[in-house]
């Protein structure tokens, strides 16, 4: 079986991704050993954190090496199995990486329902949805009537956070880039308001207009100046959830500390970061709850599907250029 692969060729520290950060090669798929499964990749999922994995920033996952197959989650079909829990034809998810075929230990795979929500296992039912679910509920600690603000609100994680907040009885304000994304948040996802940061010259003033009594939960996916403006609008005992910092991914440098962090003292607030991997033992229950909300029409999601393994690097770059609308996926 011919196996096309994308290898890591460089570390994009302090700069944007480039085509020559990756090398495209062909080899042979490895047959499974005891306890392993051979999988043909169907779909790959993309997240901003993948650039950080190339840079070896964070330390919460094993480091990458130049020449490694580029890491990435995926959905595939079992071709051959030497693990008792899997058989040919099963649909599974796992860290398939950027390649046609992956040979993986069965313990590292999740068997999936082969239904109309199959690709949602890379987004709403996958790590993206779990990040929104646990980050907001465990660290945002919402109460009915809370005002919630979400940066990167039209992204795969932010859009889930806002909808979960509405289910919890909160008032939700989203910050997104572009009028189309803002309309989607309000008209289709049920956000109470949306701010187009690209068109808004005075973001902090606009936030105060929409939340005159302050914001109870700040869920930040962006960092930098937008986080600073949100911190300036904290309500008493506000909870600030730090999920991501896409504003820094192009530079590779951590942003300067927010100017308004002293509001945490004045408003008796808390600020917490988290890594969703800490909650893996609770994923099954959370996925069942998310699936039910999707079936009931309480959660909607959008997928941006590109095609062709040869386009994997360009598909990842779309995240940092604001080109994706919804969860970024590649059909292999």
C-alpha atoms as a PDB file:
ATOM      1  CA  UNK A   1       0.000   0.000   0.000  1.00  0.00           C
ATOM      2  CA  UNK A   2       1.502   3.314  -1.107  1.00  0.00           C
ATOM      3  CA  UNK A   3       1.549   5.729   1.795  1.00  0.00           C
ATOM      4  CA  UNK A   4       1.927   9.444   1.109  1.00  0.00           C
ATOM      5  CA  UNK A   5       3.156  11.454   4.098  1.00  0.00           C
ATOM      6  CA  UNK A   6       3.915  15.044   5.061  1.00  0.00           C
ATOM      7  CA  UNK A   7       7.037  15.340   7.246  1.00  0.00           C
ATOM      8  CA  UNK A   8       8.088  18.251   9.450  1.00  0.00           C
ATOM      9  CA  UNK A   9      10.984  19.984   7.696  1.00  0.00           C
ATOM     10  CA  UNK A  10      11.463  23.123   9.831  1.00  0.00           C
ATOM     11  CA  UNK A  11      10.342  24.862  13.005  1.00  0.00           C
ATOM     12  CA  UNK A  12       8.282  28.012  12.261  1.00  0.00           C
ATOM     13  CA  UNK A  13       9.401  29.927  15.355  1.00  0.00           C
ATOM     14  CA  UNK A  14       8.696  33.650  15.247  1.00  0.00           C
ATOM     15  CA  UNK A  15       7.107  33.619  11.810  1.00  0.00           C
ATOM     16  CA  UNK A  16       4.198  32.411   9.721  1.00  0.00           C
ATOM     17  CA  UNK A  17       4.044  28.900   8.293  1.00  0.00           C
ATOM     18  CA  UNK A  18       5.645  28.358   4.875  1.00  0.00           C
ATOM     19  CA  UNK A  19       5.313  25.644   2.255  1.00  0.00           C
ATOM     20  CA  UNK A  20       8.871  24.441   2.819  1.00  0.00           C
ATOM     21  CA  UNK A  21       8.185  23.790   6.511  1.00  0.00           C
ATOM     22  CA  UNK A  22       6.924  20.426   5.215  1.00  0.00           C
ATOM     23  CA  UNK A  23       8.262  17.690   2.929  1.00  0.00           C
ATOM     24  CA  UNK A  24       5.981  15.403   0.892  1.00  0.00           C
ATOM     25  CA  UNK A  25       7.237  11.798   0.609  1.00  0.00           C
ATOM     26  CA  UNK A  26       5.945   8.387  -0.411  1.00  0.00           C
ATOM     27  CA  UNK A  27       6.600   5.060   1.231  1.00  0.00           C
ATOM     28  CA  UNK A  28       4.851   1.816   2.164  1.00  0.00           C
ATOM     29  CA  UNK A  29       2.203   1.370   4.836  1.00  0.00           C
ATOM     30  CA  UNK A  30       3.328  -0.788   7.755  1.00  0.00           C
ATOM     31  CA  UNK A  31       1.249  -3.878   8.502  1.00  0.00           C
ATOM     32  CA  UNK A  32      -0.080  -4.077  12.080  1.00  0.00           C
ATOM     33  CA  UNK A  33       1.660  -6.037  14.837  1.00  0.00           C
ATOM     34  CA  UNK A  34       0.001  -7.548  17.882  1.00  0.00           C
ATOM     35  CA  UNK A  35      -2.482  -5.092  19.395  1.00  0.00           C
ATOM     36  CA  UNK A  36      -2.224  -2.717  16.434  1.00  0.00           C
ATOM     37  CA  UNK A  37      -4.624  -1.536  13.731  1.00  0.00           C
ATOM     38  CA  UNK A  38      -3.958  -0.384  10.165  1.00  0.00           C
ATOM     39  CA  UNK A  39      -6.202   2.550   9.226  1.00  0.00           C
ATOM     40  CA  UNK A  40      -6.883   4.332   5.936  1.00  0.00           C
ATOM     41  CA  UNK A  41      -7.321   8.030   6.640  1.00  0.00           C
ATOM     42  CA  UNK A  42     -10.606   9.580   5.489  1.00  0.00           C
ATOM     43  CA  UNK A  43     -10.558  13.015   7.137  1.00  0.00           C
ATOM     44  CA  UNK A  44      -7.988  15.091   9.000  1.00  0.00           C
ATOM     45  CA  UNK A  45      -8.734  17.834  11.519  1.00  0.00           C
ATOM     46  CA  UNK A  46      -6.759  21.065  11.936  1.00  0.00           C
ATOM     47  CA  UNK A  47      -6.166  23.245  14.997  1.00  0.00           C
ATOM     48  CA  UNK A  48      -3.904  26.235  15.714  1.00  0.00           C
ATOM     49  CA  UNK A  49      -2.092  24.193  18.363  1.00  0.00           C
ATOM     50  CA  UNK A  50      -0.455  22.141  15.590  1.00  0.00           C
ATOM     51  CA  UNK A  51       1.897  25.021  14.840  1.00  0.00           C
ATOM     52  CA  UNK A  52       2.882  25.032  18.506  1.00  0.00           C
ATOM     53  CA  UNK A  53       3.586  21.304  18.289  1.00  0.00           C
ATOM     54  CA  UNK A  54       6.002  21.981  15.423  1.00  0.00           C
ATOM     55  CA  UNK A  55       7.688  24.656  17.557  1.00  0.00           C
ATOM     56  CA  UNK A  56       7.777  22.410  20.659  1.00  0.00           C
ATOM     57  CA  UNK A  57       6.084  25.149  22.686  1.00  0.00           C
ATOM     58  CA  UNK A  58       4.044  24.297  25.757  1.00  0.00           C
ATOM     59  CA  UNK A  59       5.441  20.954  26.850  1.00  0.00           C
ATOM     60  CA  UNK A  60       2.051  19.296  27.348  1.00  0.00           C
ATOM     61  CA  UNK A  61       2.572  16.850  24.466  1.00  0.00           C
ATOM     62  CA  UNK A  62       5.641  14.847  23.466  1.00  0.00           C
ATOM     63  CA  UNK A  63       8.166  16.935  21.480  1.00  0.00           C
ATOM     64  CA  UNK A  64       8.356  16.646  17.707  1.00  0.00           C
ATOM     65  CA  UNK A  65      11.512  16.067  15.694  1.00  0.00           C
ATOM     66  CA  UNK A  66      12.475  17.263  12.242  1.00  0.00           C
ATOM     67  CA  UNK A  67      11.561  14.403   9.908  1.00  0.00           C
ATOM     68  CA  UNK A  68       8.570  13.239  11.962  1.00  0.00           C
ATOM     69  CA  UNK A  69       5.249  12.715  10.202  1.00  0.00           C
ATOM     70  CA  UNK A  70       3.235  15.875  10.878  1.00  0.00           C
ATOM     71  CA  UNK A  71       0.880  15.283  13.774  1.00  0.00           C
ATOM     72  CA  UNK A  72      -2.843  15.682  13.470  1.00  0.00           C
ATOM     73  CA  UNK A  73      -6.084  14.060  14.504  1.00  0.00           C
ATOM     74  CA  UNK A  74      -8.119  12.139  11.970  1.00  0.00           C
ATOM     75  CA  UNK A  75     -10.973   9.810  11.176  1.00  0.00           C
ATOM     76  CA  UNK A  76     -10.291   6.631   9.255  1.00  0.00           C
ATOM     77  CA  UNK A  77     -11.477   3.170   8.278  1.00  0.00           C
ATOM     78  CA  UNK A  78      -9.868   0.023   9.623  1.00  0.00           C
ATOM     79  CA  UNK A  79      -8.123  -1.935   6.848  1.00  0.00           C
ATOM     80  CA  UNK A  80      -6.561  -4.681   8.977  1.00  0.00           C
ATOM     81  CA  UNK A  81      -6.601  -5.370  12.694  1.00  0.00           C
ATOM     82  CA  UNK A  82      -4.670  -7.417  15.208  1.00  0.00           C
ATOM     83  CA  UNK A  83      -6.636  -5.982  18.119  1.00  0.00           C
ATOM     84  CA  UNK A  84      -9.772  -7.769  19.404  1.00  0.00           C
ATOM     85  CA  UNK A  85     -11.866  -4.587  19.653  1.00  0.00           C
ATOM     86  CA  UNK A  86     -11.526  -3.584  15.990  1.00  0.00           C
ATOM     87  CA  UNK A  87     -12.343  -5.208  12.658  1.00  0.00           C
ATOM     88  CA  UNK A  88     -12.026  -4.217   9.002  1.00  0.00           C
ATOM     89  CA  UNK A  89     -14.566  -1.570   8.067  1.00  0.00           C
ATOM     90  CA  UNK A  90     -14.840   0.016  11.521  1.00  0.00           C
ATOM     91  CA  UNK A  91     -14.647   3.813  11.634  1.00  0.00           C
ATOM     92  CA  UNK A  92     -12.203   5.152  14.213  1.00  0.00           C
ATOM     93  CA  UNK A  93     -10.599   8.392  15.377  1.00  0.00           C
ATOM     94  CA  UNK A  94      -7.133   9.007  16.724  1.00  0.00           C
ATOM     95  CA  UNK A  95      -3.809  10.721  16.027  1.00  0.00           C
ATOM     96  CA  UNK A  96      -3.575   9.493  12.433  1.00  0.00           C
ATOM     97  CA  UNK A  97      -1.105  12.228  11.374  1.00  0.00           C
ATOM     98  CA  UNK A  98      -0.767  13.611   7.843  1.00  0.00           C
ATOM     99  CA  UNK A  99      -0.660  10.407   5.794  1.00  0.00           C
ATOM    100  CA  UNK A 100      -2.817   7.979   3.831  1.00  0.00           C
ATOM    101  CA  UNK A 101      -2.338   5.051   6.209  1.00  0.00           C
ATOM    102  CA  UNK A 102      -1.578   4.911   9.926  1.00  0.00           C
ATOM    103  CA  UNK A 103      -0.611   1.872  12.000  1.00  0.00           C
ATOM    104  CA  UNK A 104      -1.619   2.577  15.589  1.00  0.00           C
ATOM    105  CA  UNK A 105      -2.048   0.689  18.869  1.00  0.00           C
ATOM    106  CA  UNK A 106      -5.705  -0.115  19.392  1.00  0.00           C
ATOM    107  CA  UNK A 107      -5.637   1.433  22.882  1.00  0.00           C
ATOM    108  CA  UNK A 108      -5.054   4.829  21.245  1.00  0.00           C
ATOM    109  CA  UNK A 109      -8.157   4.657  19.010  1.00  0.00           C
ATOM    110  CA  UNK A 110     -11.825   5.434  19.569  1.00  0.00           C
ATOM    111  CA  UNK A 111     -14.469   3.481  17.664  1.00  0.00           C
ATOM    112  CA  UNK A 112     -17.044   5.778  16.079  1.00  0.00           C
ATOM    113  CA  UNK A 113     -20.651   5.543  15.033  1.00  0.00           C
ATOM    114  CA  UNK A 114     -20.758   5.640  11.236  1.00  0.00           C
ATOM    115  CA  UNK A 115     -23.605   8.130  10.940  1.00  0.00           C
ATOM    116  CA  UNK A 116     -24.323  11.665   9.717  1.00  0.00           C
ATOM    117  CA  UNK A 117     -22.203  13.042  12.590  1.00  0.00           C
ATOM    118  CA  UNK A 118     -19.049  11.159  11.575  1.00  0.00           C
ATOM    119  CA  UNK A 119     -16.946  14.257  10.767  1.00  0.00           C
ATOM    120  CA  UNK A 120     -18.287  15.996  13.889  1.00  0.00           C
ATOM    121  CA  UNK A 121     -15.893  13.729  15.789  1.00  0.00           C
ATOM    122  CA  UNK A 122     -13.130  16.092  14.616  1.00  0.00           C
ATOM    123  CA  UNK A 123     -15.056  19.137  15.814  1.00  0.00           C
ATOM    124  CA  UNK A 124     -18.166  19.355  17.954  1.00  0.00           C
ATOM    125  CA  UNK A 125     -17.774  15.786  19.265  1.00  0.00           C
ATOM    126  CA  UNK A 126     -13.974  15.780  19.177  1.00  0.00           C
ATOM    127  CA  UNK A 127     -11.216  17.695  20.919  1.00  0.00           C
ATOM    128  CA  UNK A 128     -12.695  21.008  19.781  1.00  0.00           C
ATOM    129  CA  UNK A 129     -16.047  20.315  21.406  1.00  0.00           C
ATOM    130  CA  UNK A 130     -14.413  18.864  24.504  1.00  0.00           C
ATOM    131  CA  UNK A 131     -12.257  21.995  24.842  1.00  0.00           C
ATOM    132  CA  UNK A 132     -15.355  24.185  24.751  1.00  0.00           C
ATOM    133  CA  UNK A 133     -17.321  21.922  27.081  1.00  0.00           C
ATOM    134  CA  UNK A 134     -14.760  21.477  29.850  1.00  0.00           C
ATOM    135  CA  UNK A 135     -13.138  24.890  29.528  1.00  0.00           C
ATOM    136  CA  UNK A 136     -16.440  26.700  29.907  1.00  0.00           C
ATOM    137  CA  UNK A 137     -18.257  24.470  32.392  1.00  0.00           C
ATOM    138  CA  UNK A 138     -15.292  23.551  34.626  1.00  0.00           C
ATOM    139  CA  UNK A 139     -13.438  26.870  34.570  1.00  0.00           C
ATOM    140  CA  UNK A 140     -16.089  29.409  33.553  1.00  0.00           C
ATOM    141  CA  UNK A 141     -18.487  28.007  36.174  1.00  0.00           C
ATOM    142  CA  UNK A 142     -21.535  29.653  34.543  1.00  0.00           C
ATOM    143  CA  UNK A 143     -24.668  30.656  36.388  1.00  0.00           C
ATOM    144  CA  UNK A 144     -28.044  31.451  34.774  1.00  0.00           C
ATOM    145  CA  UNK A 145     -28.175  35.134  33.927  1.00  0.00           C
ATOM    146  CA  UNK A 146     -24.404  35.536  33.592  1.00  0.00           C
ATOM    147  CA  UNK A 147     -23.036  37.682  30.794  1.00  0.00           C
ATOM    148  CA  UNK A 148     -20.423  35.770  28.804  1.00  0.00           C
ATOM    149  CA  UNK A 149     -18.022  37.122  26.189  1.00  0.00           C
ATOM    150  CA  UNK A 150     -16.098  34.857  23.798  1.00  0.00           C
ATOM    151  CA  UNK A 151     -13.184  35.879  21.577  1.00  0.00           C
ATOM    152  CA  UNK A 152     -12.589  33.954  18.373  1.00  0.00           C
ATOM    153  CA  UNK A 153     -16.311  33.293  18.624  1.00  0.00           C
ATOM    154  CA  UNK A 154     -16.830  32.111  15.051  1.00  0.00           C
ATOM    155  CA  UNK A 155     -14.072  29.537  15.373  1.00  0.00           C
ATOM    156  CA  UNK A 156     -14.729  25.881  16.012  1.00  0.00           C
ATOM    157  CA  UNK A 157     -14.190  26.181  19.776  1.00  0.00           C
ATOM    158  CA  UNK A 158     -15.616  29.645  20.347  1.00  0.00           C
ATOM    159  CA  UNK A 159     -18.858  28.888  18.538  1.00  0.00           C
ATOM    160  CA  UNK A 160     -19.376  25.831  20.765  1.00  0.00           C
ATOM    161  CA  UNK A 161     -18.670  27.845  23.920  1.00  0.00           C
ATOM    162  CA  UNK A 162     -21.303  30.431  23.037  1.00  0.00           C
ATOM    163  CA  UNK A 163     -23.965  27.829  22.362  1.00  0.00           C
ATOM    164  CA  UNK A 164     -23.220  25.923  25.574  1.00  0.00           C
ATOM    165  CA  UNK A 165     -23.479  29.235  27.406  1.00  0.00           C
ATOM    166  CA  UNK A 166     -26.945  29.807  25.950  1.00  0.00           C
ATOM    167  CA  UNK A 167     -27.998  26.311  27.050  1.00  0.00           C
ATOM    168  CA  UNK A 168     -26.822  27.257  30.551  1.00  0.00           C
ATOM    169  CA  UNK A 169     -29.068  30.328  30.526  1.00  0.00           C
ATOM    170  CA  UNK A 170     -26.397  32.984  29.924  1.00  0.00           C
ATOM    171  CA  UNK A 171     -26.375  36.148  27.821  1.00  0.00           C
ATOM    172  CA  UNK A 172     -23.620  35.758  25.200  1.00  0.00           C
ATOM    173  CA  UNK A 173     -21.521  38.279  23.284  1.00  0.00           C
ATOM    174  CA  UNK A 174     -19.174  37.030  20.578  1.00  0.00           C
ATOM    175  CA  UNK A 175     -16.120  38.747  19.088  1.00  0.00           C
ATOM    176  CA  UNK A 176     -15.328  37.667  15.517  1.00  0.00           C
ATOM    177  CA  UNK A 177     -13.712  38.982  12.351  1.00  0.00           C
ATOM    178  CA  UNK A 178     -16.094  40.027   9.588  1.00  0.00           C
ATOM    179  CA  UNK A 179     -19.762  40.890   9.188  1.00  0.00           C
ATOM    180  CA  UNK A 180     -20.668  37.452   7.775  1.00  0.00           C
ATOM    181  CA  UNK A 181     -19.291  35.631  10.799  1.00  0.00           C
ATOM    182  CA  UNK A 182     -21.034  38.024  13.183  1.00  0.00           C
ATOM    183  CA  UNK A 183     -24.385  37.522  11.426  1.00  0.00           C
ATOM    184  CA  UNK A 184     -23.925  33.749  11.685  1.00  0.00           C
ATOM    185  CA  UNK A 185     -23.301  33.977  15.413  1.00  0.00           C
ATOM    186  CA  UNK A 186     -26.480  35.941  16.047  1.00  0.00           C
ATOM    187  CA  UNK A 187     -28.867  34.648  13.368  1.00  0.00           C
ATOM    188  CA  UNK A 188     -27.995  30.937  13.393  1.00  0.00           C
ATOM    189  CA  UNK A 189     -26.246  30.184  16.675  1.00  0.00           C
ATOM    190  CA  UNK A 190     -28.383  32.366  18.926  1.00  0.00           C
ATOM    191  CA  UNK A 191     -25.701  34.668  20.355  1.00  0.00           C
ATOM    192  CA  UNK A 192     -27.278  37.769  21.851  1.00  0.00           C
ATOM    193  CA  UNK A 193     -24.768  40.082  20.183  1.00  0.00           C
ATOM    194  CA  UNK A 194     -21.584  40.003  18.119  1.00  0.00           C
ATOM    195  CA  UNK A 195     -18.763  42.492  17.633  1.00  0.00           C
ATOM    196  CA  UNK A 196     -16.756  42.655  14.408  1.00  0.00           C
ATOM    197  CA  UNK A 197     -13.296  43.476  15.721  1.00  0.00           C
ATOM    198  CA  UNK A 198     -12.055  44.207  12.202  1.00  0.00           C
ATOM    199  CA  UNK A 199     -14.582  47.023  11.778  1.00  0.00           C
ATOM    200  CA  UNK A 200     -14.700  48.256  15.388  1.00  0.00           C
ATOM    201  CA  UNK A 201     -12.144  50.966  16.107  1.00  0.00           C
ATOM    202  CA  UNK A 202     -12.881  51.123  19.852  1.00  0.00           C
ATOM    203  CA  UNK A 203     -13.433  47.528  20.926  1.00  0.00           C
ATOM    204  CA  UNK A 204     -13.280  48.253  24.644  1.00  0.00           C
ATOM    205  CA  UNK A 205     -15.972  50.932  24.421  1.00  0.00           C
ATOM    206  CA  UNK A 206     -18.168  48.639  22.359  1.00  0.00           C
ATOM    207  CA  UNK A 207     -17.878  45.866  24.953  1.00  0.00           C
ATOM    208  CA  UNK A 208     -18.916  48.298  27.694  1.00  0.00           C
ATOM    209  CA  UNK A 209     -21.949  49.339  25.618  1.00  0.00           C
ATOM    210  CA  UNK A 210     -23.080  45.741  25.253  1.00  0.00           C
ATOM    211  CA  UNK A 211     -22.280  44.761  28.843  1.00  0.00           C
ATOM    212  CA  UNK A 212     -22.844  47.889  30.977  1.00  0.00           C
ATOM    213  CA  UNK A 213     -22.893  45.825  34.195  1.00  0.00           C
ATOM    214  CA  UNK A 214     -19.731  43.984  33.260  1.00  0.00           C
ATOM    215  CA  UNK A 215     -18.889  40.500  32.027  1.00  0.00           C
ATOM    216  CA  UNK A 216     -19.137  37.499  34.337  1.00  0.00           C
ATOM    217  CA  UNK A 217     -17.273  34.959  32.176  1.00  0.00           C
ATOM    218  CA  UNK A 218     -14.520  35.822  29.688  1.00  0.00           C
ATOM    219  CA  UNK A 219     -13.536  32.925  27.411  1.00  0.00           C
ATOM    220  CA  UNK A 220     -10.425  33.869  25.474  1.00  0.00           C
ATOM    221  CA  UNK A 221      -9.113  32.112  22.370  1.00  0.00           C
ATOM    222  CA  UNK A 222      -7.055  35.032  21.052  1.00  0.00           C
ATOM    223  CA  UNK A 223      -4.905  36.784  23.663  1.00  0.00           C
ATOM    224  CA  UNK A 224      -3.135  40.063  23.042  1.00  0.00           C
ATOM    225  CA  UNK A 225      -5.052  43.329  22.692  1.00  0.00           C
ATOM    226  CA  UNK A 226      -8.478  41.681  22.525  1.00  0.00           C
ATOM    227  CA  UNK A 227      -7.931  39.913  25.849  1.00  0.00           C
ATOM    228  CA  UNK A 228      -6.789  43.203  27.337  1.00  0.00           C
ATOM    229  CA  UNK A 229     -10.002  44.931  26.228  1.00  0.00           C
ATOM    230  CA  UNK A 230     -12.153  42.131  27.632  1.00  0.00           C
ATOM    231  CA  UNK A 231     -10.368  42.283  30.998  1.00  0.00           C
ATOM    232  CA  UNK A 232     -11.349  45.928  31.194  1.00  0.00           C
ATOM    233  CA  UNK A 233     -15.015  44.910  31.314  1.00  0.00           C
ATOM    234  CA  UNK A 234     -14.987  42.395  34.176  1.00  0.00           C
ATOM    235  CA  UNK A 235     -17.947  42.181  36.538  1.00  0.00           C
ATOM    236  CA  UNK A 236     -17.475  41.457  40.242  1.00  0.00           C
ATOM    237  CA  UNK A 237     -16.159  37.902  40.789  1.00  0.00           C
ATOM    238  CA  UNK A 238     -15.636  37.390  37.038  1.00  0.00           C
ATOM    239  CA  UNK A 239     -14.043  34.177  35.781  1.00  0.00           C
ATOM    240  CA  UNK A 240     -11.495  34.477  32.964  1.00  0.00           C
ATOM    241  CA  UNK A 241     -10.805  31.277  31.011  1.00  0.00           C
ATOM    242  CA  UNK A 242      -7.602  31.226  28.943  1.00  0.00           C
ATOM    243  CA  UNK A 243      -8.038  28.636  26.199  1.00  0.00           C
ATOM    244  CA  UNK A 244      -5.748  29.767  23.375  1.00  0.00           C
ATOM    245  CA  UNK A 245      -3.777  32.651  21.932  1.00  0.00           C
ATOM    246  CA  UNK A 246      -4.070  32.620  18.163  1.00  0.00           C
ATOM    247  CA  UNK A 247      -2.794  36.206  18.030  1.00  0.00           C
ATOM    248  CA  UNK A 248       0.682  34.937  18.989  1.00  0.00           C
ATOM    249  CA  UNK A 249       0.885  31.917  16.689  1.00  0.00           C
ATOM    250  CA  UNK A 250       2.179  33.897  13.723  1.00  0.00           C
ATOM    251  CA  UNK A 251       5.041  35.400  15.723  1.00  0.00           C
ATOM    252  CA  UNK A 252       5.885  32.440  17.940  1.00  0.00           C
ATOM    253  CA  UNK A 253       6.308  34.892  20.814  1.00  0.00           C
ATOM    254  CA  UNK A 254       4.157  35.121  23.893  1.00  0.00           C
ATOM    255  CA  UNK A 255       2.268  38.440  23.997  1.00  0.00           C
ATOM    256  CA  UNK A 256       3.078  41.000  26.654  1.00  0.00           C
ATOM    257  CA  UNK A 257       1.062  40.632  29.833  1.00  0.00           C
ATOM    258  CA  UNK A 258      -2.360  42.290  29.623  1.00  0.00           C
ATOM    259  CA  UNK A 259      -2.452  45.874  30.887  1.00  0.00           C
ATOM    260  CA  UNK A 260      -5.779  45.350  32.633  1.00  0.00           C
ATOM    261  CA  UNK A 261      -4.818  42.323  34.726  1.00  0.00           C
ATOM    262  CA  UNK A 262      -5.123  44.451  37.901  1.00  0.00           C
ATOM    263  CA  UNK A 263      -8.892  44.340  37.405  1.00  0.00           C
ATOM    264  CA  UNK A 264      -8.624  40.796  38.777  1.00  0.00           C
ATOM    265  CA  UNK A 265      -7.882  42.438  42.118  1.00  0.00           C
ATOM    266  CA  UNK A 266     -10.416  45.245  41.896  1.00  0.00           C
ATOM    267  CA  UNK A 267     -13.221  42.905  40.775  1.00  0.00           C
ATOM    268  CA  UNK A 268     -12.083  39.903  42.883  1.00  0.00           C
ATOM    269  CA  UNK A 269     -11.825  37.893  39.683  1.00  0.00           C
ATOM    270  CA  UNK A 270     -10.012  34.694  38.773  1.00  0.00           C
ATOM    271  CA  UNK A 271      -8.035  33.782  35.655  1.00  0.00           C
ATOM    272  CA  UNK A 272      -7.313  30.143  34.796  1.00  0.00           C
ATOM    273  CA  UNK A 273      -5.694  28.282  31.975  1.00  0.00           C
ATOM    274  CA  UNK A 274      -6.401  24.636  31.201  1.00  0.00           C
ATOM    275  CA  UNK A 275      -5.436  21.752  28.947  1.00  0.00           C
ATOM    276  CA  UNK A 276      -8.361  19.653  27.756  1.00  0.00           C
ATOM    277  CA  UNK A 277      -6.307  16.443  27.969  1.00  0.00           C
ATOM    278  CA  UNK A 278      -6.714  16.648  31.749  1.00  0.00           C
ATOM    279  CA  UNK A 279     -10.372  15.644  31.311  1.00  0.00           C
ATOM    280  CA  UNK A 280      -9.967  12.646  28.977  1.00  0.00           C
ATOM    281  CA  UNK A 281     -11.555  10.306  31.508  1.00  0.00           C
ATOM    282  CA  UNK A 282     -14.768  12.342  31.277  1.00  0.00           C
ATOM    283  CA  UNK A 283     -14.920  12.507  27.465  1.00  0.00           C
ATOM    284  CA  UNK A 284     -17.534   9.733  26.966  1.00  0.00           C
ATOM    285  CA  UNK A 285     -20.110  11.430  29.198  1.00  0.00           C
ATOM    286  CA  UNK A 286     -19.409  14.827  27.661  1.00  0.00           C
ATOM    287  CA  UNK A 287     -19.671  13.463  24.092  1.00  0.00           C
ATOM    288  CA  UNK A 288     -23.022  11.846  24.900  1.00  0.00           C
ATOM    289  CA  UNK A 289     -24.315  15.156  26.250  1.00  0.00           C
ATOM    290  CA  UNK A 290     -23.022  17.109  23.238  1.00  0.00           C
ATOM    291  CA  UNK A 291     -24.524  14.568  20.837  1.00  0.00           C
ATOM    292  CA  UNK A 292     -27.890  14.952  22.550  1.00  0.00           C
ATOM    293  CA  UNK A 293     -27.734  18.741  22.279  1.00  0.00           C
ATOM    294  CA  UNK A 294     -26.934  18.457  18.559  1.00  0.00           C
ATOM    295  CA  UNK A 295     -29.839  16.054  18.010  1.00  0.00           C
ATOM    296  CA  UNK A 296     -32.151  18.445  19.864  1.00  0.00           C
ATOM    297  CA  UNK A 297     -31.059  21.365  17.697  1.00  0.00           C
ATOM    298  CA  UNK A 298     -29.501  23.232  20.611  1.00  0.00           C
ATOM    299  CA  UNK A 299     -26.020  23.151  19.091  1.00  0.00           C
ATOM    300  CA  UNK A 300     -25.187  23.858  15.466  1.00  0.00           C
ATOM    301  CA  UNK A 301     -21.790  23.722  13.823  1.00  0.00           C
ATOM    302  CA  UNK A 302     -20.135  24.584  10.549  1.00  0.00           C
ATOM    303  CA  UNK A 303     -17.372  22.650   8.815  1.00  0.00           C
ATOM    304  CA  UNK A 304     -14.883  24.063   6.312  1.00  0.00           C
ATOM    305  CA  UNK A 305     -13.870  21.012   4.255  1.00  0.00           C
ATOM    306  CA  UNK A 306     -10.875  21.136   1.905  1.00  0.00           C
ATOM    307  CA  UNK A 307      -9.823  18.177  -0.261  1.00  0.00           C
ATOM    308  CA  UNK A 308      -6.633  16.238  -1.044  1.00  0.00           C
ATOM    309  CA  UNK A 309      -3.763  15.186   1.217  1.00  0.00           C
ATOM    310  CA  UNK A 310      -1.424  17.196  -1.003  1.00  0.00           C
ATOM    311  CA  UNK A 311      -3.174  20.332   0.283  1.00  0.00           C
ATOM    312  CA  UNK A 312      -2.635  19.634   4.002  1.00  0.00           C
ATOM    313  CA  UNK A 313      -0.069  22.422   4.647  1.00  0.00           C
ATOM    314  CA  UNK A 314      -2.221  25.026   2.911  1.00  0.00           C
ATOM    315  CA  UNK A 315      -5.230  23.827   4.881  1.00  0.00           C
ATOM    316  CA  UNK A 316      -3.411  24.419   8.163  1.00  0.00           C
ATOM    317  CA  UNK A 317      -2.348  27.879   6.994  1.00  0.00           C
ATOM    318  CA  UNK A 318      -5.995  28.824   6.429  1.00  0.00           C
ATOM    319  CA  UNK A 319      -6.459  28.938  10.218  1.00  0.00           C
ATOM    320  CA  UNK A 320      -3.895  31.711  10.626  1.00  0.00           C
ATOM    321  CA  UNK A 321      -5.121  33.704   7.642  1.00  0.00           C
ATOM    322  CA  UNK A 322      -8.736  33.823   8.844  1.00  0.00           C
ATOM    323  CA  UNK A 323      -9.903  31.927   5.752  1.00  0.00           C
ATOM    324  CA  UNK A 324     -11.733  29.085   7.489  1.00  0.00           C
ATOM    325  CA  UNK A 325     -15.373  29.412   8.520  1.00  0.00           C
ATOM    326  CA  UNK A 326     -16.066  26.649  11.020  1.00  0.00           C
ATOM    327  CA  UNK A 327     -14.048  23.584  11.934  1.00  0.00           C
ATOM    328  CA  UNK A 328     -11.183  23.152   9.455  1.00  0.00           C
ATOM    329  CA  UNK A 329     -11.220  19.652   7.957  1.00  0.00           C
ATOM    330  CA  UNK A 330      -9.452  17.994   5.034  1.00  0.00           C
ATOM    331  CA  UNK A 331     -10.978  15.111   3.093  1.00  0.00           C
ATOM    332  CA  UNK A 332      -7.979  12.924   2.368  1.00  0.00           C
END
